[in-house]
Amino acid sequence: MHEISLVRNIFSTLESEFSKDELKTMTAIDMKIGLLSNVEPVLMQNAFDAVTTAEEKYQEVKLNVELVPIEIHCQPCNLNTTIESYKFACKSCGTPNNNVVKGTELLIHRVHFDSKEKMTTQGF
């Protein structure tokens, strides 16, 4: 289960970005996870719970996951199409298409703190 190592990397990234005092006040982490990121949100949540249970300093931190749908860009139509049921074709003209512009994300979108909120957009 590679989600455990991803969670550990998330905390490692946050530890390099924020001070120990700031991390003590961290309450939540917002993640954006694309449907093509090769990460299962349920497994990510389970891994997060396992790591935070083992790491006493992060036991109160919550993980919020936003799923990012798959979106392609059709050159002939110059339109973006959200993919459903993994059918990679433009909804407007029906042309098969694999020009993915959204859905591969695995990002720390926002970090919440008790006293203030800081943002980071570092990806993995």
PDB file of N, CA and C in Angstrom:
ATOM      1  N   MET A   1       0.857  -1.179   0.000  1.00  0.00           N
ATOM      2  CA  MET A   1       0.000   0.000   0.000  1.00  0.00           C
ATOM      3  C   MET A   1       0.901   1.239   0.000  1.00  0.00           C
ATOM      4  N   HIS A   2       1.004   1.887  -1.157  1.00  0.00           N
ATOM      5  CA  HIS A   2       1.876   3.050  -1.275  1.00  0.00           C
ATOM      6  C   HIS A   2       1.297   4.301  -0.634  1.00  0.00           C
ATOM      7  N   GLU A   3       0.042   4.250  -0.210  1.00  0.00           N
ATOM      8  CA  GLU A   3      -0.576   5.410   0.413  1.00  0.00           C
ATOM      9  C   GLU A   3       0.105   5.778   1.737  1.00  0.00           C
ATOM     10  N   ILE A   4       0.622   4.774   2.465  1.00  0.00           N
ATOM     11  CA  ILE A   4       1.337   5.053   3.720  1.00  0.00           C
ATOM     12  C   ILE A   4       2.552   5.932   3.438  1.00  0.00           C
ATOM     13  N   SER A   5       3.328   5.580   2.408  1.00  0.00           N
ATOM     14  CA  SER A   5       4.509   6.393   2.089  1.00  0.00           C
ATOM     15  C   SER A   5       4.104   7.777   1.587  1.00  0.00           C
ATOM     16  N   LEU A   6       2.968   7.866   0.883  1.00  0.00           N
ATOM     17  CA  LEU A   6       2.478   9.185   0.455  1.00  0.00           C
ATOM     18  C   LEU A   6       2.133  10.063   1.654  1.00  0.00           C
ATOM     19  N   VAL A   7       1.466   9.481   2.637  1.00  0.00           N
ATOM     20  CA  VAL A   7       1.095  10.244   3.841  1.00  0.00           C
ATOM     21  C   VAL A   7       2.357  10.696   4.574  1.00  0.00           C
ATOM     22  N   ARG A   8       3.323   9.815   4.686  1.00  0.00           N
ATOM     23  CA  ARG A   8       4.580  10.189   5.342  1.00  0.00           C
ATOM     24  C   ARG A   8       5.265  11.320   4.566  1.00  0.00           C
ATOM     25  N   ASN A   9       5.216  11.261   3.231  1.00  0.00           N
ATOM     26  CA  ASN A   9       5.783  12.331   2.413  1.00  0.00           C
ATOM     27  C   ASN A   9       5.044  13.651   2.597  1.00  0.00           C
ATOM     28  N   ILE A  10       3.737  13.577   2.766  1.00  0.00           N
ATOM     29  CA  ILE A  10       2.947  14.788   3.016  1.00  0.00           C
ATOM     30  C   ILE A  10       3.433  15.461   4.298  1.00  0.00           C
ATOM     31  N   PHE A  11       3.555  14.676   5.370  1.00  0.00           N
ATOM     32  CA  PHE A  11       4.013  15.251   6.636  1.00  0.00           C
ATOM     33  C   PHE A  11       5.454  15.742   6.534  1.00  0.00           C
ATOM     34  N   SER A  12       6.278  15.038   5.813  1.00  0.00           N
ATOM     35  CA  SER A  12       7.664  15.476   5.604  1.00  0.00           C
ATOM     36  C   SER A  12       7.701  16.815   4.873  1.00  0.00           C
ATOM     37  N   THR A  13       6.877  16.952   3.855  1.00  0.00           N
ATOM     38  CA  THR A  13       6.796  18.214   3.113  1.00  0.00           C
ATOM     39  C   THR A  13       6.327  19.342   4.027  1.00  0.00           C
ATOM     40  N   LEU A  14       5.304  19.083   4.810  1.00  0.00           N
ATOM     41  CA  LEU A  14       4.787  20.107   5.715  1.00  0.00           C
ATOM     42  C   LEU A  14       5.823  20.482   6.773  1.00  0.00           C
ATOM     43  N   GLU A  15       6.574  19.498   7.259  1.00  0.00           N
ATOM     44  CA  GLU A  15       7.614  19.771   8.253  1.00  0.00           C
ATOM     45  C   GLU A  15       8.737  20.636   7.671  1.00  0.00           C
ATOM     46  N   SER A  16       8.959  20.534   6.369  1.00  0.00           N
ATOM     47  CA  SER A  16       9.990  21.374   5.748  1.00  0.00           C
ATOM     48  C   SER A  16       9.471  22.777   5.419  1.00  0.00           C
ATOM     49  N   GLU A  17       8.159  22.930   5.321  1.00  0.00           N
ATOM     50  CA  GLU A  17       7.554  24.214   4.957  1.00  0.00           C
ATOM     51  C   GLU A  17       7.156  25.075   6.157  1.00  0.00           C
ATOM     52  N   PHE A  18       6.793  24.425   7.257  1.00  0.00           N
ATOM     53  CA  PHE A  18       6.269  25.148   8.408  1.00  0.00           C
ATOM     54  C   PHE A  18       7.116  24.886   9.651  1.00  0.00           C
ATOM     55  N   SER A  19       7.074  25.837  10.571  1.00  0.00           N
ATOM     56  CA  SER A  19       7.820  25.689  11.823  1.00  0.00           C
ATOM     57  C   SER A  19       7.131  24.673  12.733  1.00  0.00           C
ATOM     58  N   LYS A  20       7.863  24.215  13.741  1.00  0.00           N
ATOM     59  CA  LYS A  20       7.283  23.272  14.711  1.00  0.00           C
ATOM     60  C   LYS A  20       6.105  23.900  15.442  1.00  0.00           C
ATOM     61  N   ASP A  21       6.211  25.192  15.737  1.00  0.00           N
ATOM     62  CA  ASP A  21       5.107  25.881  16.418  1.00  0.00           C
ATOM     63  C   ASP A  21       3.864  25.929  15.535  1.00  0.00           C
ATOM     64  N   GLU A  22       4.060  26.197  14.243  1.00  0.00           N
ATOM     65  CA  GLU A  22       2.924  26.215  13.325  1.00  0.00           C
ATOM     66  C   GLU A  22       2.305  24.823  13.210  1.00  0.00           C
ATOM     67  N   LEU A  23       3.148  23.803  13.117  1.00  0.00           N
ATOM     68  CA  LEU A  23       2.635  22.440  12.972  1.00  0.00           C
ATOM     69  C   LEU A  23       1.847  21.987  14.198  1.00  0.00           C
ATOM     70  N   LYS A  24       2.183  22.520  15.366  1.00  0.00           N
ATOM     71  CA  LYS A  24       1.441  22.181  16.581  1.00  0.00           C
ATOM     72  C   LYS A  24       0.001  22.675  16.517  1.00  0.00           C
ATOM     73  N   THR A  25      -0.245  23.727  15.708  1.00  0.00           N
ATOM     74  CA  THR A  25      -1.591  24.279  15.604  1.00  0.00           C
ATOM     75  C   THR A  25      -2.333  23.799  14.347  1.00  0.00           C
ATOM     76  N   MET A  26      -1.718  22.905  13.586  1.00  0.00           N
ATOM     77  CA  MET A  26      -2.347  22.395  12.366  1.00  0.00           C
ATOM     78  C   MET A  26      -3.578  21.565  12.732  1.00  0.00           C
ATOM     79  N   THR A  27      -4.683  21.838  12.028  1.00  0.00           N
ATOM     80  CA  THR A  27      -5.939  21.131  12.306  1.00  0.00           C
ATOM     81  C   THR A  27      -6.402  20.253  11.141  1.00  0.00           C
ATOM     82  N   ALA A  28      -6.042  20.622   9.916  1.00  0.00           N
ATOM     83  CA  ALA A  28      -6.518  19.849   8.766  1.00  0.00           C
ATOM     84  C   ALA A  28      -5.621  20.075   7.556  1.00  0.00           C
ATOM     85  N   ILE A  29      -5.650  19.084   6.676  1.00  0.00           N
ATOM     86  CA  ILE A  29      -4.936  19.151   5.406  1.00  0.00           C
ATOM     87  C   ILE A  29      -5.953  18.871   4.310  1.00  0.00           C
ATOM     88  N   ASP A  30      -6.036  19.767   3.327  1.00  0.00           N
ATOM     89  CA  ASP A  30      -6.918  19.571   2.175  1.00  0.00           C
ATOM     90  C   ASP A  30      -6.070  19.063   1.014  1.00  0.00           C
ATOM     91  N   MET A  31      -6.466  17.939   0.464  1.00  0.00           N
ATOM     92  CA  MET A  31      -5.765  17.344  -0.672  1.00  0.00           C
ATOM     93  C   MET A  31      -6.672  17.351  -1.890  1.00  0.00           C
ATOM     94  N   LYS A  32      -6.072  17.529  -3.068  1.00  0.00           N
ATOM     95  CA  LYS A  32      -6.771  17.335  -4.336  1.00  0.00           C
ATOM     96  C   LYS A  32      -6.180  16.069  -4.950  1.00  0.00           C
ATOM     97  N   ILE A  33      -7.065  15.099  -5.204  1.00  0.00           N
ATOM     98  CA  ILE A  33      -6.622  13.826  -5.752  1.00  0.00           C
ATOM     99  C   ILE A  33      -7.392  13.555  -7.036  1.00  0.00           C
ATOM    100  N   GLY A  34      -6.660  13.490  -8.139  1.00  0.00           N
ATOM    101  CA  GLY A  34      -7.263  13.221  -9.436  1.00  0.00           C
ATOM    102  C   GLY A  34      -7.612  11.761  -9.604  1.00  0.00           C
ATOM    103  N   LEU A  35      -8.649  11.508 -10.384  1.00  0.00           N
ATOM    104  CA  LEU A  35      -9.080  10.131 -10.622  1.00  0.00           C
ATOM    105  C   LEU A  35      -8.024   9.293 -11.347  1.00  0.00           C
ATOM    106  N   LEU A  36      -7.074   9.947 -12.023  1.00  0.00           N
ATOM    107  CA  LEU A  36      -5.996   9.235 -12.709  1.00  0.00           C
ATOM    108  C   LEU A  36      -4.679   9.270 -11.932  1.00  0.00           C
ATOM    109  N   SER A  37      -4.708   9.636 -10.665  1.00  0.00           N
ATOM    110  CA  SER A  37      -3.484   9.792  -9.879  1.00  0.00           C
ATOM    111  C   SER A  37      -2.939   8.481  -9.331  1.00  0.00           C
ATOM    112  N   ASN A  38      -3.665   7.401  -9.508  1.00  0.00           N
ATOM    113  CA  ASN A  38      -3.264   6.092  -8.985  1.00  0.00           C
ATOM    114  C   ASN A  38      -3.291   6.062  -7.460  1.00  0.00           C
ATOM    115  N   VAL A  39      -4.179   6.868  -6.870  1.00  0.00           N
ATOM    116  CA  VAL A  39      -4.367   6.895  -5.423  1.00  0.00           C
ATOM    117  C   VAL A  39      -5.851   6.699  -5.139  1.00  0.00           C
ATOM    118  N   GLU A  40      -6.137   5.726  -4.295  1.00  0.00           N
ATOM    119  CA  GLU A  40      -7.517   5.469  -3.884  1.00  0.00           C
ATOM    120  C   GLU A  40      -7.825   6.331  -2.656  1.00  0.00           C
ATOM    121  N   PRO A  41      -8.809   7.230  -2.743  1.00  0.00           N
ATOM    122  CA  PRO A  41      -9.120   8.109  -1.608  1.00  0.00           C
ATOM    123  C   PRO A  41      -9.413   7.361  -0.301  1.00  0.00           C
ATOM    124  N   VAL A  42     -10.110   6.247  -0.369  1.00  0.00           N
ATOM    125  CA  VAL A  42     -10.421   5.486   0.852  1.00  0.00           C
ATOM    126  C   VAL A  42      -9.137   4.929   1.465  1.00  0.00           C
ATOM    127  N   LEU A  43      -8.255   4.401   0.612  1.00  0.00           N
ATOM    128  CA  LEU A  43      -6.983   3.882   1.117  1.00  0.00           C
ATOM    129  C   LEU A  43      -6.104   5.011   1.653  1.00  0.00           C
ATOM    130  N   MET A  44      -6.178   6.179   1.021  1.00  0.00           N
ATOM    131  CA  MET A  44      -5.420   7.339   1.498  1.00  0.00           C
ATOM    132  C   MET A  44      -5.907   7.744   2.879  1.00  0.00           C
ATOM    133  N   GLN A  45      -7.228   7.761   3.072  1.00  0.00           N
ATOM    134  CA  GLN A  45      -7.784   8.106   4.382  1.00  0.00           C
ATOM    135  C   GLN A  45      -7.384   7.077   5.429  1.00  0.00           C
ATOM    136  N   ASN A  46      -7.435   5.803   5.082  1.00  0.00           N
ATOM    137  CA  ASN A  46      -7.025   4.746   6.012  1.00  0.00           C
ATOM    138  C   ASN A  46      -5.550   4.878   6.375  1.00  0.00           C
ATOM    139  N   ALA A  47      -4.706   5.148   5.381  1.00  0.00           N
ATOM    140  CA  ALA A  47      -3.274   5.326   5.634  1.00  0.00           C
ATOM    141  C   ALA A  47      -3.040   6.551   6.507  1.00  0.00           C
ATOM    142  N   PHE A  48      -3.777   7.631   6.229  1.00  0.00           N
ATOM    143  CA  PHE A  48      -3.658   8.850   7.022  1.00  0.00           C
ATOM    144  C   PHE A  48      -4.014   8.569   8.478  1.00  0.00           C
ATOM    145  N   ASP A  49      -5.109   7.846   8.684  1.00  0.00           N
ATOM    146  CA  ASP A  49      -5.530   7.496  10.041  1.00  0.00           C
ATOM    147  C   ASP A  49      -4.482   6.640  10.741  1.00  0.00           C
ATOM    148  N   ALA A  50      -3.880   5.698  10.021  1.00  0.00           N
ATOM    149  CA  ALA A  50      -2.850   4.832  10.600  1.00  0.00           C
ATOM    150  C   ALA A  50      -1.619   5.637  10.999  1.00  0.00           C
ATOM    151  N   VAL A  51      -1.178   6.530  10.136  1.00  0.00           N
ATOM    152  CA  VAL A  51       0.019   7.338  10.421  1.00  0.00           C
ATOM    153  C   VAL A  51      -0.247   8.307  11.562  1.00  0.00           C
ATOM    154  N   THR A  52      -1.405   8.966  11.546  1.00  0.00           N
ATOM    155  CA  THR A  52      -1.685   9.934  12.610  1.00  0.00           C
ATOM    156  C   THR A  52      -1.921   9.252  13.953  1.00  0.00           C
ATOM    157  N   THR A  53      -2.391   8.019  13.940  1.00  0.00           N
ATOM    158  CA  THR A  53      -2.539   7.267  15.186  1.00  0.00           C
ATOM    159  C   THR A  53      -1.167   6.936  15.758  1.00  0.00           C
ATOM    160  N   ALA A  54      -0.225   6.592  14.884  1.00  0.00           N
ATOM    161  CA  ALA A  54       1.130   6.237  15.323  1.00  0.00           C
ATOM    162  C   ALA A  54       1.944   7.474  15.711  1.00  0.00           C
ATOM    163  N   GLU A  55       1.694   8.595  15.070  1.00  0.00           N
ATOM    164  CA  GLU A  55       2.428   9.846  15.329  1.00  0.00           C
ATOM    165  C   GLU A  55       1.593  10.710  16.266  1.00  0.00           C
ATOM    166  N   GLU A  56       1.923  10.704  17.515  1.00  0.00           N
ATOM    167  CA  GLU A  56       1.124  11.407  18.519  1.00  0.00           C
ATOM    168  C   GLU A  56       0.921  12.883  18.195  1.00  0.00           C
ATOM    169  N   LYS A  57       1.934  13.532  17.607  1.00  0.00           N
ATOM    170  CA  LYS A  57       1.837  14.967  17.363  1.00  0.00           C
ATOM    171  C   LYS A  57       0.812  15.337  16.299  1.00  0.00           C
ATOM    172  N   TYR A  58       0.370  14.362  15.489  1.00  0.00           N
ATOM    173  CA  TYR A  58      -0.594  14.651  14.418  1.00  0.00           C
ATOM    174  C   TYR A  58      -1.959  13.991  14.630  1.00  0.00           C
ATOM    175  N   GLN A  59      -2.222  13.514  15.814  1.00  0.00           N
ATOM    176  CA  GLN A  59      -3.468  12.774  16.053  1.00  0.00           C
ATOM    177  C   GLN A  59      -4.725  13.604  15.860  1.00  0.00           C
ATOM    178  N   GLU A  60      -4.647  14.906  16.048  1.00  0.00           N
ATOM    179  CA  GLU A  60      -5.829  15.761  15.922  1.00  0.00           C
ATOM    180  C   GLU A  60      -6.025  16.319  14.510  1.00  0.00           C
ATOM    181  N   VAL A  61      -5.093  16.046  13.611  1.00  0.00           N
ATOM    182  CA  VAL A  61      -5.159  16.584  12.251  1.00  0.00           C
ATOM    183  C   VAL A  61      -6.116  15.743  11.413  1.00  0.00           C
ATOM    184  N   LYS A  62      -6.940  16.409  10.645  1.00  0.00           N
ATOM    185  CA  LYS A  62      -7.912  15.746   9.766  1.00  0.00           C
ATOM    186  C   LYS A  62      -7.463  15.861   8.315  1.00  0.00           C
ATOM    187  N   LEU A  63      -7.843  14.883   7.510  1.00  0.00           N
ATOM    188  CA  LEU A  63      -7.567  14.900   6.075  1.00  0.00           C
ATOM    189  C   LEU A  63      -8.874  15.113   5.330  1.00  0.00           C
ATOM    190  N   ASN A  64      -8.894  16.113   4.458  1.00  0.00           N
ATOM    191  CA  ASN A  64     -10.042  16.379   3.593  1.00  0.00           C
ATOM    192  C   ASN A  64      -9.593  16.125   2.157  1.00  0.00           C
ATOM    193  N   VAL A  65     -10.338  15.294   1.458  1.00  0.00           N
ATOM    194  CA  VAL A  65      -9.970  14.936   0.087  1.00  0.00           C
ATOM    195  C   VAL A  65     -11.013  15.466  -0.884  1.00  0.00           C
ATOM    196  N   GLU A  66     -10.522  16.176  -1.891  1.00  0.00           N
ATOM    197  CA  GLU A  66     -11.376  16.629  -2.994  1.00  0.00           C
ATOM    198  C   GLU A  66     -10.975  15.814  -4.224  1.00  0.00           C
ATOM    199  N   LEU A  67     -11.929  15.065  -4.755  1.00  0.00           N
ATOM    200  CA  LEU A  67     -11.667  14.294  -5.966  1.00  0.00           C
ATOM    201  C   LEU A  67     -11.722  15.212  -7.181  1.00  0.00           C
ATOM    202  N   VAL A  68     -10.728  15.093  -8.035  1.00  0.00           N
ATOM    203  CA  VAL A  68     -10.667  15.904  -9.247  1.00  0.00           C
ATOM    204  C   VAL A  68     -11.046  15.007 -10.424  1.00  0.00           C
ATOM    205  N   PRO A  69     -12.103  15.361 -11.144  1.00  0.00           N
ATOM    206  CA  PRO A  69     -12.531  14.532 -12.276  1.00  0.00           C
ATOM    207  C   PRO A  69     -11.520  14.585 -13.421  1.00  0.00           C
ATOM    208  N   ILE A  70     -11.641  13.628 -14.317  1.00  0.00           N
ATOM    209  CA  ILE A  70     -10.795  13.598 -15.506  1.00  0.00           C
ATOM    210  C   ILE A  70     -11.388  14.553 -16.523  1.00  0.00           C
ATOM    211  N   GLU A  71     -10.534  15.401 -17.073  1.00  0.00           N
ATOM    212  CA  GLU A  71     -10.978  16.359 -18.082  1.00  0.00           C
ATOM    213  C   GLU A  71      -9.987  16.322 -19.245  1.00  0.00           C
ATOM    214  N   ILE A  72     -10.527  16.326 -20.457  1.00  0.00           N
ATOM    215  CA  ILE A  72      -9.693  16.351 -21.657  1.00  0.00           C
ATOM    216  C   ILE A  72      -9.949  17.635 -22.430  1.00  0.00           C
ATOM    217  N   HIS A  73      -8.992  17.991 -23.292  1.00  0.00           N
ATOM    218  CA  HIS A  73      -9.166  19.153 -24.160  1.00  0.00           C
ATOM    219  C   HIS A  73      -9.228  18.673 -25.604  1.00  0.00           C
ATOM    220  N   CYS A  74     -10.289  19.050 -26.298  1.00  0.00           N
ATOM    221  CA  CYS A  74     -10.470  18.690 -27.705  1.00  0.00           C
ATOM    222  C   CYS A  74      -9.953  19.837 -28.565  1.00  0.00           C
ATOM    223  N   GLN A  75      -8.905  19.570 -29.347  1.00  0.00           N
ATOM    224  CA  GLN A  75      -8.329  20.595 -30.215  1.00  0.00           C
ATOM    225  C   GLN A  75      -9.320  21.069 -31.283  1.00  0.00           C
ATOM    226  N   PRO A  76      -9.995  20.154 -32.021  1.00  0.00           N
ATOM    227  CA  PRO A  76     -10.914  20.613 -33.068  1.00  0.00           C
ATOM    228  C   PRO A  76     -12.033  21.521 -32.544  1.00  0.00           C
ATOM    229  N   CYS A  77     -12.578  21.191 -31.372  1.00  0.00           N
ATOM    230  CA  CYS A  77     -13.679  21.987 -30.803  1.00  0.00           C
ATOM    231  C   CYS A  77     -13.176  23.128 -29.917  1.00  0.00           C
ATOM    232  N   ASN A  78     -11.935  23.023 -29.470  1.00  0.00           N
ATOM    233  CA  ASN A  78     -11.359  23.942 -28.501  1.00  0.00           C
ATOM    234  C   ASN A  78     -12.209  23.990 -27.229  1.00  0.00           C
ATOM    235  N   LEU A  79     -12.671  22.805 -26.801  1.00  0.00           N
ATOM    236  CA  LEU A  79     -13.487  22.675 -25.595  1.00  0.00           C
ATOM    237  C   LEU A  79     -12.884  21.645 -24.658  1.00  0.00           C
ATOM    238  N   ASN A  80     -13.112  21.837 -23.360  1.00  0.00           N
ATOM    239  CA  ASN A  80     -12.759  20.826 -22.369  1.00  0.00           C
ATOM    240  C   ASN A  80     -13.996  19.979 -22.079  1.00  0.00           C
ATOM    241  N   THR A  81     -13.765  18.678 -21.907  1.00  0.00           N
ATOM    242  CA  THR A  81     -14.843  17.736 -21.638  1.00  0.00           C
ATOM    243  C   THR A  81     -14.499  16.933 -20.394  1.00  0.00           C
ATOM    244  N   THR A  82     -15.454  16.793 -19.476  1.00  0.00           N
ATOM    245  CA  THR A  82     -15.282  15.939 -18.313  1.00  0.00           C
ATOM    246  C   THR A  82     -15.589  14.504 -18.732  1.00  0.00           C
ATOM    247  N   ILE A  83     -14.676  13.609 -18.396  1.00  0.00           N
ATOM    248  CA  ILE A  83     -14.794  12.208 -18.794  1.00  0.00           C
ATOM    249  C   ILE A  83     -15.661  11.455 -17.793  1.00  0.00           C
ATOM    250  N   GLU A  84     -16.565  10.655 -18.316  1.00  0.00           N
ATOM    251  CA  GLU A  84     -17.413   9.794 -17.495  1.00  0.00           C
ATOM    252  C   GLU A  84     -17.241   8.367 -17.969  1.00  0.00           C
ATOM    253  N   SER A  85     -17.184   7.438 -17.042  1.00  0.00           N
ATOM    254  CA  SER A  85     -17.048   6.008 -17.341  1.00  0.00           C
ATOM    255  C   SER A  85     -15.800   5.718 -18.178  1.00  0.00           C
ATOM    256  N   TYR A  86     -14.785   6.527 -18.021  1.00  0.00           N
ATOM    257  CA  TYR A  86     -13.497   6.356 -18.703  1.00  0.00           C
ATOM    258  C   TYR A  86     -13.630   6.288 -20.220  1.00  0.00           C
ATOM    259  N   LYS A  87     -14.633   6.970 -20.771  1.00  0.00           N
ATOM    260  CA  LYS A  87     -14.797   7.078 -22.222  1.00  0.00           C
ATOM    261  C   LYS A  87     -14.114   8.368 -22.657  1.00  0.00           C
ATOM    262  N   PHE A  88     -12.895   8.220 -23.190  1.00  0.00           N
ATOM    263  CA  PHE A  88     -12.075   9.365 -23.553  1.00  0.00           C
ATOM    264  C   PHE A  88     -12.435   9.860 -24.947  1.00  0.00           C
ATOM    265  N   ALA A  89     -13.529  10.622 -25.009  1.00  0.00           N
ATOM    266  CA  ALA A  89     -13.995  11.205 -26.267  1.00  0.00           C
ATOM    267  C   ALA A  89     -14.659  12.534 -25.960  1.00  0.00           C
ATOM    268  N   CYS A  90     -14.538  13.438 -26.915  1.00  0.00           N
ATOM    269  CA  CYS A  90     -15.154  14.757 -26.777  1.00  0.00           C
ATOM    270  C   CYS A  90     -16.673  14.603 -26.765  1.00  0.00           C
ATOM    271  N   LYS A  91     -17.329  15.242 -25.807  1.00  0.00           N
ATOM    272  CA  LYS A  91     -18.794  15.186 -25.743  1.00  0.00           C
ATOM    273  C   LYS A  91     -19.439  15.976 -26.865  1.00  0.00           C
ATOM    274  N   SER A  92     -18.732  16.959 -27.394  1.00  0.00           N
ATOM    275  CA  SER A  92     -19.293  17.797 -28.444  1.00  0.00           C
ATOM    276  C   SER A  92     -19.228  17.121 -29.817  1.00  0.00           C
ATOM    277  N   CYS A  93     -18.026  16.655 -30.207  1.00  0.00           N
ATOM    278  CA  CYS A  93     -17.875  16.102 -31.561  1.00  0.00           C
ATOM    279  C   CYS A  93     -17.680  14.592 -31.591  1.00  0.00           C
ATOM    280  N   GLY A  94     -17.450  13.974 -30.413  1.00  0.00           N
ATOM    281  CA  GLY A  94     -17.303  12.527 -30.352  1.00  0.00           C
ATOM    282  C   GLY A  94     -15.919  12.001 -30.710  1.00  0.00           C
ATOM    283  N   THR A  95     -14.980  12.883 -31.006  1.00  0.00           N
ATOM    284  CA  THR A  95     -13.636  12.471 -31.386  1.00  0.00           C
ATOM    285  C   THR A  95     -12.915  11.835 -30.199  1.00  0.00           C
ATOM    286  N   PRO A  96     -12.348  10.618 -30.376  1.00  0.00           N
ATOM    287  CA  PRO A  96     -11.545  10.020 -29.307  1.00  0.00           C
ATOM    288  C   PRO A  96     -10.382  10.951 -28.967  1.00  0.00           C
ATOM    289  N   ASN A  97     -10.050  11.002 -27.681  1.00  0.00           N
ATOM    290  CA  ASN A  97      -9.087  12.003 -27.249  1.00  0.00           C
ATOM    291  C   ASN A  97      -8.423  11.557 -25.957  1.00  0.00           C
ATOM    292  N   ASN A  98      -7.115  11.724 -25.869  1.00  0.00           N
ATOM    293  CA  ASN A  98      -6.412  11.428 -24.626  1.00  0.00           C
ATOM    294  C   ASN A  98      -5.588  12.618 -24.134  1.00  0.00           C
ATOM    295  N   ASN A  99      -5.972  13.818 -24.533  1.00  0.00           N
ATOM    296  CA  ASN A  99      -5.285  15.035 -24.120  1.00  0.00           C
ATOM    297  C   ASN A  99      -5.809  15.458 -22.735  1.00  0.00           C
ATOM    298  N   VAL A 100      -5.317  14.782 -21.700  1.00  0.00           N
ATOM    299  CA  VAL A 100      -5.786  15.007 -20.327  1.00  0.00           C
ATOM    300  C   VAL A 100      -5.234  16.330 -19.798  1.00  0.00           C
ATOM    301  N   VAL A 101      -6.139  17.184 -19.318  1.00  0.00           N
ATOM    302  CA  VAL A 101      -5.741  18.466 -18.739  1.00  0.00           C
ATOM    303  C   VAL A 101      -6.053  18.551 -17.242  1.00  0.00           C
ATOM    304  N   LYS A 102      -6.800  17.581 -16.740  1.00  0.00           N
ATOM    305  CA  LYS A 102      -7.170  17.527 -15.328  1.00  0.00           C
ATOM    306  C   LYS A 102      -7.405  16.076 -14.948  1.00  0.00           C
ATOM    307  N   GLY A 103      -7.076  15.752 -13.697  1.00  0.00           N
ATOM    308  CA  GLY A 103      -7.389  14.421 -13.199  1.00  0.00           C
ATOM    309  C   GLY A 103      -6.180  13.623 -12.766  1.00  0.00           C
ATOM    310  N   THR A 104      -4.985  14.174 -12.937  1.00  0.00           N
ATOM    311  CA  THR A 104      -3.774  13.471 -12.505  1.00  0.00           C
ATOM    312  C   THR A 104      -3.196  14.075 -11.222  1.00  0.00           C
ATOM    313  N   GLU A 105      -3.882  15.052 -10.657  1.00  0.00           N
ATOM    314  CA  GLU A 105      -3.380  15.784  -9.494  1.00  0.00           C
ATOM    315  C   GLU A 105      -3.227  14.897  -8.253  1.00  0.00           C
ATOM    316  N   LEU A 106      -2.207  15.220  -7.501  1.00  0.00           N
ATOM    317  CA  LEU A 106      -2.031  14.715  -6.141  1.00  0.00           C
ATOM    318  C   LEU A 106      -1.340  15.853  -5.394  1.00  0.00           C
ATOM    319  N   LEU A 107      -2.165  16.766  -4.866  1.00  0.00           N
ATOM    320  CA  LEU A 107      -1.661  18.032  -4.334  1.00  0.00           C
ATOM    321  C   LEU A 107      -2.108  18.288  -2.909  1.00  0.00           C
ATOM    322  N   ILE A 108      -1.200  18.873  -2.140  1.00  0.00           N
ATOM    323  CA  ILE A 108      -1.589  19.479  -0.872  1.00  0.00           C
ATOM    324  C   ILE A 108      -2.157  20.831  -1.273  1.00  0.00           C
ATOM    325  N   HIS A 109      -3.449  20.973  -1.152  1.00  0.00           N
ATOM    326  CA  HIS A 109      -4.107  22.197  -1.615  1.00  0.00           C
ATOM    327  C   HIS A 109      -4.089  23.293  -0.550  1.00  0.00           C
ATOM    328  N   ARG A 110      -4.394  22.916   0.676  1.00  0.00           N
ATOM    329  CA  ARG A 110      -4.502  23.916   1.750  1.00  0.00           C
ATOM    330  C   ARG A 110      -4.191  23.231   3.081  1.00  0.00           C
ATOM    331  N   VAL A 111      -3.580  23.992   3.964  1.00  0.00           N
ATOM    332  CA  VAL A 111      -3.304  23.507   5.310  1.00  0.00           C
ATOM    333  C   VAL A 111      -4.004  24.450   6.278  1.00  0.00           C
ATOM    334  N   HIS A 112      -4.771  23.888   7.201  1.00  0.00           N
ATOM    335  CA  HIS A 112      -5.529  24.690   8.163  1.00  0.00           C
ATOM    336  C   HIS A 112      -4.828  24.683   9.520  1.00  0.00           C
ATOM    337  N   PHE A 113      -4.819  25.860  10.148  1.00  0.00           N
ATOM    338  CA  PHE A 113      -4.235  26.022  11.473  1.00  0.00           C
ATOM    339  C   PHE A 113      -5.271  26.638  12.394  1.00  0.00           C
ATOM    340  N   ASP A 114      -5.085  26.465  13.698  1.00  0.00           N
ATOM    341  CA  ASP A 114      -5.996  27.055  14.683  1.00  0.00           C
ATOM    342  C   ASP A 114      -6.088  28.560  14.541  1.00  0.00           C
ATOM    343  N   SER A 115      -4.947  29.216  14.496  1.00  0.00           N
ATOM    344  CA  SER A 115      -4.948  30.676  14.545  1.00  0.00           C
ATOM    345  C   SER A 115      -4.972  31.336  13.178  1.00  0.00           C
ATOM    346  N   LYS A 116      -4.508  30.641  12.156  1.00  0.00           N
ATOM    347  CA  LYS A 116      -4.461  31.234  10.822  1.00  0.00           C
ATOM    348  C   LYS A 116      -4.426  30.112   9.790  1.00  0.00           C
ATOM    349  N   GLU A 117      -4.566  30.478   8.555  1.00  0.00           N
ATOM    350  CA  GLU A 117      -4.540  29.502   7.471  1.00  0.00           C
ATOM    351  C   GLU A 117      -3.416  29.865   6.513  1.00  0.00           C
ATOM    352  N   LYS A 118      -2.630  28.870   6.148  1.00  0.00           N
ATOM    353  CA  LYS A 118      -1.576  29.071   5.156  1.00  0.00           C
ATOM    354  C   LYS A 118      -1.852  28.128   4.007  1.00  0.00           C
ATOM    355  N   MET A 119      -1.411  28.516   2.849  1.00  0.00           N
ATOM    356  CA  MET A 119      -1.643  27.680   1.674  1.00  0.00           C
ATOM    357  C   MET A 119      -0.327  27.203   1.094  1.00  0.00           C
ATOM    358  N   THR A 120      -0.387  26.023   0.522  1.00  0.00           N
ATOM    359  CA  THR A 120       0.733  25.502  -0.248  1.00  0.00           C
ATOM    360  C   THR A 120       0.163  24.741  -1.430  1.00  0.00           C
ATOM    361  N   THR A 121       0.853  24.758  -2.523  1.00  0.00           N
ATOM    362  CA  THR A 121       0.393  24.030  -3.710  1.00  0.00           C
ATOM    363  C   THR A 121       1.480  23.089  -4.208  1.00  0.00           C
ATOM    364  N   GLN A 122       2.217  22.530  -3.274  1.00  0.00           N
ATOM    365  CA  GLN A 122       3.253  21.592  -3.678  1.00  0.00           C
ATOM    366  C   GLN A 122       2.639  20.257  -4.019  1.00  0.00           C
ATOM    367  N   GLY A 123       3.033  19.712  -5.141  1.00  0.00           N
ATOM    368  CA  GLY A 123       2.528  18.417  -5.572  1.00  0.00           C
ATOM    369  C   GLY A 123       3.564  17.341  -5.375  1.00  0.00           C
ATOM    370  N   PHE A 124       3.143  16.140  -5.622  1.00  0.00           N
ATOM    371  CA  PHE A 124       4.038  14.987  -5.493  1.00  0.00           C
ATOM    372  C   PHE A 124       4.200  14.317  -6.825  1.00  0.00           C
TER     373      PHE A 124
END
